[in-house]
């Protein structure tokens, strides 16, 4: 006869039965729990549970039979921990979204400010004079070809104070034959910009001075 212990779930074998005794006492060989059984009947094993602390499988109860941990408290604690971790995850995700949004806004503002500086530079009288001077240069046309065009983003600086100032640009010039960079210096006096000097790189890669062809013109507007 096989008897399942209701406390630890261990299987106990009863070899000798006395038909004259309708009730027998069975002591578990594993945990020592005692139970009374009527001969001819079996007692269903209690529902089992797994200890969250040590993983021991046993009938449901308040304490783990192996490590003595509080089964109910451990389950509740595990559930609370899961909820806490879930909440922390949501908060972390929210902060990540806020951080990414803030960084994106800073980058956009930075790029916008740079674009604004380049736009103001290209609209200045100094830069317009520089483009006009370069476009009318026969040396530049011999170097880059016809249909002269200028790069979108000029490099350089402008400094003005009332009716005086100076400027320096490095302008990318493109044509049907190729491209080159022109470095040009300007000075502002009495409210008008004038070309001071200019240089370019020829087809062989040699830096050459751009000769003033007398058609540079003057502009009276400032930044």
C-alpha atoms as a PDB file:
ATOM      1  CA  UNK A   1       0.000   0.000   0.000  1.00  0.00           C
ATOM      2  CA  UNK A   2       1.318   3.458  -0.884  1.00  0.00           C
ATOM      3  CA  UNK A   3       0.580   6.427   1.359  1.00  0.00           C
ATOM      4  CA  UNK A   4       1.477  10.018   0.411  1.00  0.00           C
ATOM      5  CA  UNK A   5       2.520  12.207   3.331  1.00  0.00           C
ATOM      6  CA  UNK A   6       0.252  15.290   3.553  1.00  0.00           C
ATOM      7  CA  UNK A   7       3.073  17.387   5.023  1.00  0.00           C
ATOM      8  CA  UNK A   8       6.086  16.837   2.782  1.00  0.00           C
ATOM      9  CA  UNK A   9       4.601  14.847  -0.120  1.00  0.00           C
ATOM     10  CA  UNK A  10       6.928  11.901   0.419  1.00  0.00           C
ATOM     11  CA  UNK A  11       5.797   8.441  -0.668  1.00  0.00           C
ATOM     12  CA  UNK A  12       5.571   5.817   2.104  1.00  0.00           C
ATOM     13  CA  UNK A  13       5.036   2.119   1.484  1.00  0.00           C
ATOM     14  CA  UNK A  14       3.052   0.041   3.977  1.00  0.00           C
ATOM     15  CA  UNK A  15       3.891  -3.653   3.410  1.00  0.00           C
ATOM     16  CA  UNK A  16       1.934  -5.408   6.145  1.00  0.00           C
ATOM     17  CA  UNK A  17      -1.782  -4.793   6.693  1.00  0.00           C
ATOM     18  CA  UNK A  18      -3.934  -6.287   9.427  1.00  0.00           C
ATOM     19  CA  UNK A  19      -7.469  -6.892   8.117  1.00  0.00           C
ATOM     20  CA  UNK A  20      -8.769  -6.940  11.693  1.00  0.00           C
ATOM     21  CA  UNK A  21      -7.755  -3.336  12.172  1.00  0.00           C
ATOM     22  CA  UNK A  22      -9.828  -1.013   9.949  1.00  0.00           C
ATOM     23  CA  UNK A  23      -7.672   2.018  10.862  1.00  0.00           C
ATOM     24  CA  UNK A  24      -3.909   2.106  10.626  1.00  0.00           C
ATOM     25  CA  UNK A  25      -1.386   4.702  11.792  1.00  0.00           C
ATOM     26  CA  UNK A  26       1.230   5.748   9.245  1.00  0.00           C
ATOM     27  CA  UNK A  27       4.337   7.716  10.193  1.00  0.00           C
ATOM     28  CA  UNK A  28       6.217   9.446   7.376  1.00  0.00           C
ATOM     29  CA  UNK A  29       9.747   8.143   7.090  1.00  0.00           C
ATOM     30  CA  UNK A  30      10.946  11.502   5.795  1.00  0.00           C
ATOM     31  CA  UNK A  31       9.398  14.170   8.029  1.00  0.00           C
ATOM     32  CA  UNK A  32       7.890  12.049  10.824  1.00  0.00           C
ATOM     33  CA  UNK A  33       4.353  13.337  10.351  1.00  0.00           C
ATOM     34  CA  UNK A  34       1.678  10.910  11.521  1.00  0.00           C
ATOM     35  CA  UNK A  35      -1.702  10.276   9.930  1.00  0.00           C
ATOM     36  CA  UNK A  36      -4.580   7.853  10.380  1.00  0.00           C
ATOM     37  CA  UNK A  37      -6.042   5.997   7.426  1.00  0.00           C
ATOM     38  CA  UNK A  38      -8.916   3.641   7.015  1.00  0.00           C
ATOM     39  CA  UNK A  39      -7.976   0.511   5.116  1.00  0.00           C
ATOM     40  CA  UNK A  40      -9.492   0.517   1.664  1.00  0.00           C
ATOM     41  CA  UNK A  41      -9.415   4.303   1.339  1.00  0.00           C
ATOM     42  CA  UNK A  42      -6.755   6.686   0.106  1.00  0.00           C
ATOM     43  CA  UNK A  43      -6.162  10.229   1.175  1.00  0.00           C
ATOM     44  CA  UNK A  44      -5.619  12.783  -1.582  1.00  0.00           C
ATOM     45  CA  UNK A  45      -2.357  14.623  -1.471  1.00  0.00           C
ATOM     46  CA  UNK A  46      -2.611  18.284  -0.631  1.00  0.00           C
ATOM     47  CA  UNK A  47      -2.042  20.881  -3.312  1.00  0.00           C
ATOM     48  CA  UNK A  48       1.655  21.543  -3.781  1.00  0.00           C
ATOM     49  CA  UNK A  49       3.591  24.812  -3.876  1.00  0.00           C
ATOM     50  CA  UNK A  50       7.170  25.792  -4.702  1.00  0.00           C
ATOM     51  CA  UNK A  51       9.161  27.683  -2.095  1.00  0.00           C
ATOM     52  CA  UNK A  52      10.250  31.044  -3.576  1.00  0.00           C
ATOM     53  CA  UNK A  53      13.337  30.975  -1.373  1.00  0.00           C
ATOM     54  CA  UNK A  54      14.902  27.550  -2.033  1.00  0.00           C
ATOM     55  CA  UNK A  55      12.661  26.101  -4.764  1.00  0.00           C
ATOM     56  CA  UNK A  56      11.528  23.090  -2.687  1.00  0.00           C
ATOM     57  CA  UNK A  57       8.245  21.583  -3.880  1.00  0.00           C
ATOM     58  CA  UNK A  58       5.851  20.701  -1.050  1.00  0.00           C
ATOM     59  CA  UNK A  59       2.187  20.783  -0.028  1.00  0.00           C
ATOM     60  CA  UNK A  60       0.844  24.285   0.493  1.00  0.00           C
ATOM     61  CA  UNK A  61       1.602  25.709   3.895  1.00  0.00           C
ATOM     62  CA  UNK A  62       2.778  28.784   5.726  1.00  0.00           C
ATOM     63  CA  UNK A  63       6.366  27.576   6.166  1.00  0.00           C
ATOM     64  CA  UNK A  64       8.801  25.818   3.840  1.00  0.00           C
ATOM     65  CA  UNK A  65       9.542  22.320   5.185  1.00  0.00           C
ATOM     66  CA  UNK A  66      13.109  22.483   3.848  1.00  0.00           C
ATOM     67  CA  UNK A  67      14.396  25.990   4.672  1.00  0.00           C
ATOM     68  CA  UNK A  68      11.650  27.289   6.994  1.00  0.00           C
ATOM     69  CA  UNK A  69      10.993  30.391   4.881  1.00  0.00           C
ATOM     70  CA  UNK A  70       7.613  32.103   5.122  1.00  0.00           C
ATOM     71  CA  UNK A  71       5.843  30.963   1.952  1.00  0.00           C
ATOM     72  CA  UNK A  72       3.104  33.620   1.979  1.00  0.00           C
ATOM     73  CA  UNK A  73       5.424  36.487   2.879  1.00  0.00           C
ATOM     74  CA  UNK A  74       7.928  35.494   0.204  1.00  0.00           C
ATOM     75  CA  UNK A  75       5.254  35.353  -2.479  1.00  0.00           C
ATOM     76  CA  UNK A  76       3.884  38.728  -1.431  1.00  0.00           C
ATOM     77  CA  UNK A  77       7.363  40.206  -1.314  1.00  0.00           C
ATOM     78  CA  UNK A  78       8.170  38.862  -4.776  1.00  0.00           C
ATOM     79  CA  UNK A  79       4.985  40.407  -6.140  1.00  0.00           C
ATOM     80  CA  UNK A  80       5.838  43.743  -4.550  1.00  0.00           C
ATOM     81  CA  UNK A  81       9.350  43.579  -5.967  1.00  0.00           C
ATOM     82  CA  UNK A  82       7.987  42.946  -9.438  1.00  0.00           C
ATOM     83  CA  UNK A  83       5.662  45.950  -9.162  1.00  0.00           C
ATOM     84  CA  UNK A  84       8.494  48.115  -7.836  1.00  0.00           C
ATOM     85  CA  UNK A  85      10.810  47.098 -10.655  1.00  0.00           C
ATOM     86  CA  UNK A  86       8.054  47.757 -13.165  1.00  0.00           C
ATOM     87  CA  UNK A  87       7.528  51.235 -11.717  1.00  0.00           C
ATOM     88  CA  UNK A  88      11.260  51.957 -11.780  1.00  0.00           C
ATOM     89  CA  UNK A  89      11.393  50.820 -15.403  1.00  0.00           C
ATOM     90  CA  UNK A  90       8.578  53.200 -16.369  1.00  0.00           C
ATOM     91  CA  UNK A  91      10.264  56.108 -14.568  1.00  0.00           C
ATOM     92  CA  UNK A  92      13.596  55.300 -16.240  1.00  0.00           C
ATOM     93  CA  UNK A  93      11.941  55.178 -19.667  1.00  0.00           C
ATOM     94  CA  UNK A  94      10.235  58.515 -19.011  1.00  0.00           C
ATOM     95  CA  UNK A  95      13.525  60.153 -18.055  1.00  0.00           C
ATOM     96  CA  UNK A  96      15.178  58.696 -21.156  1.00  0.00           C
ATOM     97  CA  UNK A  97      12.464  60.209 -23.374  1.00  0.00           C
ATOM     98  CA  UNK A  98      12.833  63.584 -21.620  1.00  0.00           C
ATOM     99  CA  UNK A  99      16.627  63.448 -21.935  1.00  0.00           C
ATOM    100  CA  UNK A 100      16.524  62.535 -25.643  1.00  0.00           C
ATOM    101  CA  UNK A 101      13.982  65.302 -26.310  1.00  0.00           C
ATOM    102  CA  UNK A 102      16.101  67.865 -24.442  1.00  0.00           C
ATOM    103  CA  UNK A 103      19.274  66.860 -26.322  1.00  0.00           C
ATOM    104  CA  UNK A 104      17.427  67.028 -29.652  1.00  0.00           C
ATOM    105  CA  UNK A 105      16.135  70.527 -28.836  1.00  0.00           C
ATOM    106  CA  UNK A 106      19.625  71.711 -27.836  1.00  0.00           C
ATOM    107  CA  UNK A 107      21.082  70.343 -31.079  1.00  0.00           C
ATOM    108  CA  UNK A 108      18.332  72.005 -33.145  1.00  0.00           C
ATOM    109  CA  UNK A 109      18.861  75.334 -31.380  1.00  0.00           C
ATOM    110  CA  UNK A 110      22.624  75.054 -31.908  1.00  0.00           C
ATOM    111  CA  UNK A 111      22.259  74.215 -35.609  1.00  0.00           C
ATOM    112  CA  UNK A 112      19.691  76.985 -36.000  1.00  0.00           C
ATOM    113  CA  UNK A 113      22.041  79.541 -34.466  1.00  0.00           C
ATOM    114  CA  UNK A 114      24.892  78.437 -36.758  1.00  0.00           C
ATOM    115  CA  UNK A 115      22.614  78.619 -39.797  1.00  0.00           C
ATOM    116  CA  UNK A 116      21.541  82.099 -38.678  1.00  0.00           C
ATOM    117  CA  UNK A 117      25.170  83.248 -38.477  1.00  0.00           C
ATOM    118  CA  UNK A 118      25.912  81.916 -41.978  1.00  0.00           C
ATOM    119  CA  UNK A 119      22.763  83.562 -43.345  1.00  0.00           C
ATOM    120  CA  UNK A 120      23.697  86.924 -41.827  1.00  0.00           C
ATOM    121  CA  UNK A 121      27.223  86.524 -43.222  1.00  0.00           C
ATOM    122  CA  UNK A 122      25.959  85.812 -46.752  1.00  0.00           C
ATOM    123  CA  UNK A 123      23.590  88.791 -46.616  1.00  0.00           C
ATOM    124  CA  UNK A 124      26.354  91.208 -45.576  1.00  0.00           C
ATOM    125  CA  UNK A 125      27.711  93.814 -47.945  1.00  0.00           C
ATOM    126  CA  UNK A 126      31.218  92.411 -47.463  1.00  0.00           C
ATOM    127  CA  UNK A 127      30.258  88.932 -48.673  1.00  0.00           C
ATOM    128  CA  UNK A 128      28.254  90.278 -51.607  1.00  0.00           C
ATOM    129  CA  UNK A 129      31.255  92.333 -52.672  1.00  0.00           C
ATOM    130  CA  UNK A 130      33.495  89.254 -52.344  1.00  0.00           C
ATOM    131  CA  UNK A 131      31.193  87.164 -54.563  1.00  0.00           C
ATOM    132  CA  UNK A 132      30.955  89.948 -57.142  1.00  0.00           C
ATOM    133  CA  UNK A 133      34.720  90.327 -57.206  1.00  0.00           C
ATOM    134  CA  UNK A 134      35.295  86.590 -57.661  1.00  0.00           C
ATOM    135  CA  UNK A 135      32.578  86.165 -60.307  1.00  0.00           C
ATOM    136  CA  UNK A 136      34.116  88.877 -62.507  1.00  0.00           C
ATOM    137  CA  UNK A 137      37.658  87.464 -62.255  1.00  0.00           C
ATOM    138  CA  UNK A 138      39.004  86.080 -65.511  1.00  0.00           C
ATOM    139  CA  UNK A 139      41.581  84.027 -63.587  1.00  0.00           C
ATOM    140  CA  UNK A 140      38.827  82.240 -61.665  1.00  0.00           C
ATOM    141  CA  UNK A 141      36.901  81.490 -64.851  1.00  0.00           C
ATOM    142  CA  UNK A 142      40.047  80.050 -66.449  1.00  0.00           C
ATOM    143  CA  UNK A 143      40.480  77.839 -63.381  1.00  0.00           C
ATOM    144  CA  UNK A 144      36.942  76.546 -62.751  1.00  0.00           C
ATOM    145  CA  UNK A 145      35.266  77.207 -66.100  1.00  0.00           C
ATOM    146  CA  UNK A 146      32.001  78.917 -66.905  1.00  0.00           C
ATOM    147  CA  UNK A 147      28.741  78.981 -64.947  1.00  0.00           C
ATOM    148  CA  UNK A 148      30.483  80.060 -61.737  1.00  0.00           C
ATOM    149  CA  UNK A 149      28.646  79.104 -58.548  1.00  0.00           C
ATOM    150  CA  UNK A 150      29.434  79.547 -54.860  1.00  0.00           C
ATOM    151  CA  UNK A 151      29.197  77.115 -51.933  1.00  0.00           C
ATOM    152  CA  UNK A 152      26.183  77.313 -49.640  1.00  0.00           C
ATOM    153  CA  UNK A 153      28.172  77.779 -46.432  1.00  0.00           C
ATOM    154  CA  UNK A 154      30.882  80.477 -46.409  1.00  0.00           C
ATOM    155  CA  UNK A 155      33.705  80.213 -43.881  1.00  0.00           C
ATOM    156  CA  UNK A 156      35.181  83.298 -42.279  1.00  0.00           C
ATOM    157  CA  UNK A 157      34.463  86.203 -39.982  1.00  0.00           C
ATOM    158  CA  UNK A 158      33.233  89.804 -39.978  1.00  0.00           C
ATOM    159  CA  UNK A 159      34.017  92.507 -37.450  1.00  0.00           C
ATOM    160  CA  UNK A 160      32.477  95.996 -37.649  1.00  0.00           C
ATOM    161  CA  UNK A 161      32.403  99.067 -35.406  1.00  0.00           C
ATOM    162  CA  UNK A 162      30.215 101.942 -36.549  1.00  0.00           C
ATOM    163  CA  UNK A 163      31.557 102.800 -40.042  1.00  0.00           C
ATOM    164  CA  UNK A 164      34.790 100.788 -39.792  1.00  0.00           C
ATOM    165  CA  UNK A 165      35.484  97.071 -39.941  1.00  0.00           C
ATOM    166  CA  UNK A 166      37.241  94.162 -41.596  1.00  0.00           C
ATOM    167  CA  UNK A 167      36.265  90.739 -42.949  1.00  0.00           C
ATOM    168  CA  UNK A 168      37.870  87.538 -44.168  1.00  0.00           C
ATOM    169  CA  UNK A 169      36.146  84.782 -46.166  1.00  0.00           C
ATOM    170  CA  UNK A 170      37.139  81.457 -47.655  1.00  0.00           C
ATOM    171  CA  UNK A 171      34.704  80.936 -50.527  1.00  0.00           C
ATOM    172  CA  UNK A 172      34.188  77.668 -52.390  1.00  0.00           C
ATOM    173  CA  UNK A 173      33.864  78.392 -56.128  1.00  0.00           C
ATOM    174  CA  UNK A 174      32.600  75.810 -58.645  1.00  0.00           C
ATOM    175  CA  UNK A 175      32.360  75.829 -62.431  1.00  0.00           C
ATOM    176  CA  UNK A 176      32.077  73.565 -65.468  1.00  0.00           C
ATOM    177  CA  UNK A 177      35.792  72.685 -65.319  1.00  0.00           C
ATOM    178  CA  UNK A 178      36.336  72.204 -61.598  1.00  0.00           C
ATOM    179  CA  UNK A 179      36.411  74.006 -58.269  1.00  0.00           C
ATOM    180  CA  UNK A 180      38.741  76.028 -56.051  1.00  0.00           C
ATOM    181  CA  UNK A 181      38.825  77.924 -52.763  1.00  0.00           C
ATOM    182  CA  UNK A 182      39.289  81.664 -52.767  1.00  0.00           C
ATOM    183  CA  UNK A 183      40.641  83.412 -49.668  1.00  0.00           C
ATOM    184  CA  UNK A 184      39.659  87.077 -49.668  1.00  0.00           C
ATOM    185  CA  UNK A 185      40.234  89.979 -47.236  1.00  0.00           C
ATOM    186  CA  UNK A 186      38.119  93.150 -47.071  1.00  0.00           C
ATOM    187  CA  UNK A 187      38.206  96.395 -45.086  1.00  0.00           C
ATOM    188  CA  UNK A 188      35.407  98.800 -44.304  1.00  0.00           C
ATOM    189  CA  UNK A 189      36.097 102.520 -44.145  1.00  0.00           C
ATOM    190  CA  UNK A 190      33.645 105.428 -44.128  1.00  0.00           C
ATOM    191  CA  UNK A 191      30.803 102.870 -44.292  1.00  0.00           C
ATOM    192  CA  UNK A 192      32.011 101.159 -47.511  1.00  0.00           C
ATOM    193  CA  UNK A 193      33.680  97.777 -48.058  1.00  0.00           C
ATOM    194  CA  UNK A 194      36.823  97.484 -50.195  1.00  0.00           C
ATOM    195  CA  UNK A 195      38.825  94.474 -51.387  1.00  0.00           C
ATOM    196  CA  UNK A 196      42.262  94.357 -49.753  1.00  0.00           C
ATOM    197  CA  UNK A 197      43.658  91.108 -51.187  1.00  0.00           C
ATOM    198  CA  UNK A 198      42.576  87.749 -52.568  1.00  0.00           C
ATOM    199  CA  UNK A 199      44.239  84.440 -53.380  1.00  0.00           C
ATOM    200  CA  UNK A 200      43.185  81.150 -54.972  1.00  0.00           C
ATOM    201  CA  UNK A 201      44.542  77.677 -55.730  1.00  0.00           C
ATOM    202  CA  UNK A 202      45.142  76.986 -59.424  1.00  0.00           C
ATOM    203  CA  UNK A 203      44.670  73.716 -61.303  1.00  0.00           C
ATOM    204  CA  UNK A 204      48.145  72.501 -60.331  1.00  0.00           C
ATOM    205  CA  UNK A 205      47.436  73.159 -56.632  1.00  0.00           C
ATOM    206  CA  UNK A 206      49.625  76.265 -56.332  1.00  0.00           C
ATOM    207  CA  UNK A 207      48.348  79.236 -54.319  1.00  0.00           C
ATOM    208  CA  UNK A 208      48.244  82.368 -56.460  1.00  0.00           C
ATOM    209  CA  UNK A 209      47.343  85.972 -55.774  1.00  0.00           C
ATOM    210  CA  UNK A 210      44.133  87.102 -57.435  1.00  0.00           C
ATOM    211  CA  UNK A 211      44.941  90.247 -59.372  1.00  0.00           C
ATOM    212  CA  UNK A 212      42.556  93.183 -58.875  1.00  0.00           C
ATOM    213  CA  UNK A 213      40.761  93.679 -62.172  1.00  0.00           C
ATOM    214  CA  UNK A 214      39.338  97.072 -61.178  1.00  0.00           C
ATOM    215  CA  UNK A 215      35.708  95.999 -61.043  1.00  0.00           C
ATOM    216  CA  UNK A 216      35.331  95.173 -57.393  1.00  0.00           C
ATOM    217  CA  UNK A 217      32.722  97.821 -56.551  1.00  0.00           C
ATOM    218  CA  UNK A 218      31.727  99.148 -53.113  1.00  0.00           C
ATOM    219  CA  UNK A 219      28.858  98.467 -50.733  1.00  0.00           C
ATOM    220  CA  UNK A 220      27.730 100.838 -47.994  1.00  0.00           C
ATOM    221  CA  UNK A 221      25.575  98.424 -45.950  1.00  0.00           C
ATOM    222  CA  UNK A 222      26.895  96.656 -42.840  1.00  0.00           C
ATOM    223  CA  UNK A 223      25.969  93.669 -40.639  1.00  0.00           C
END
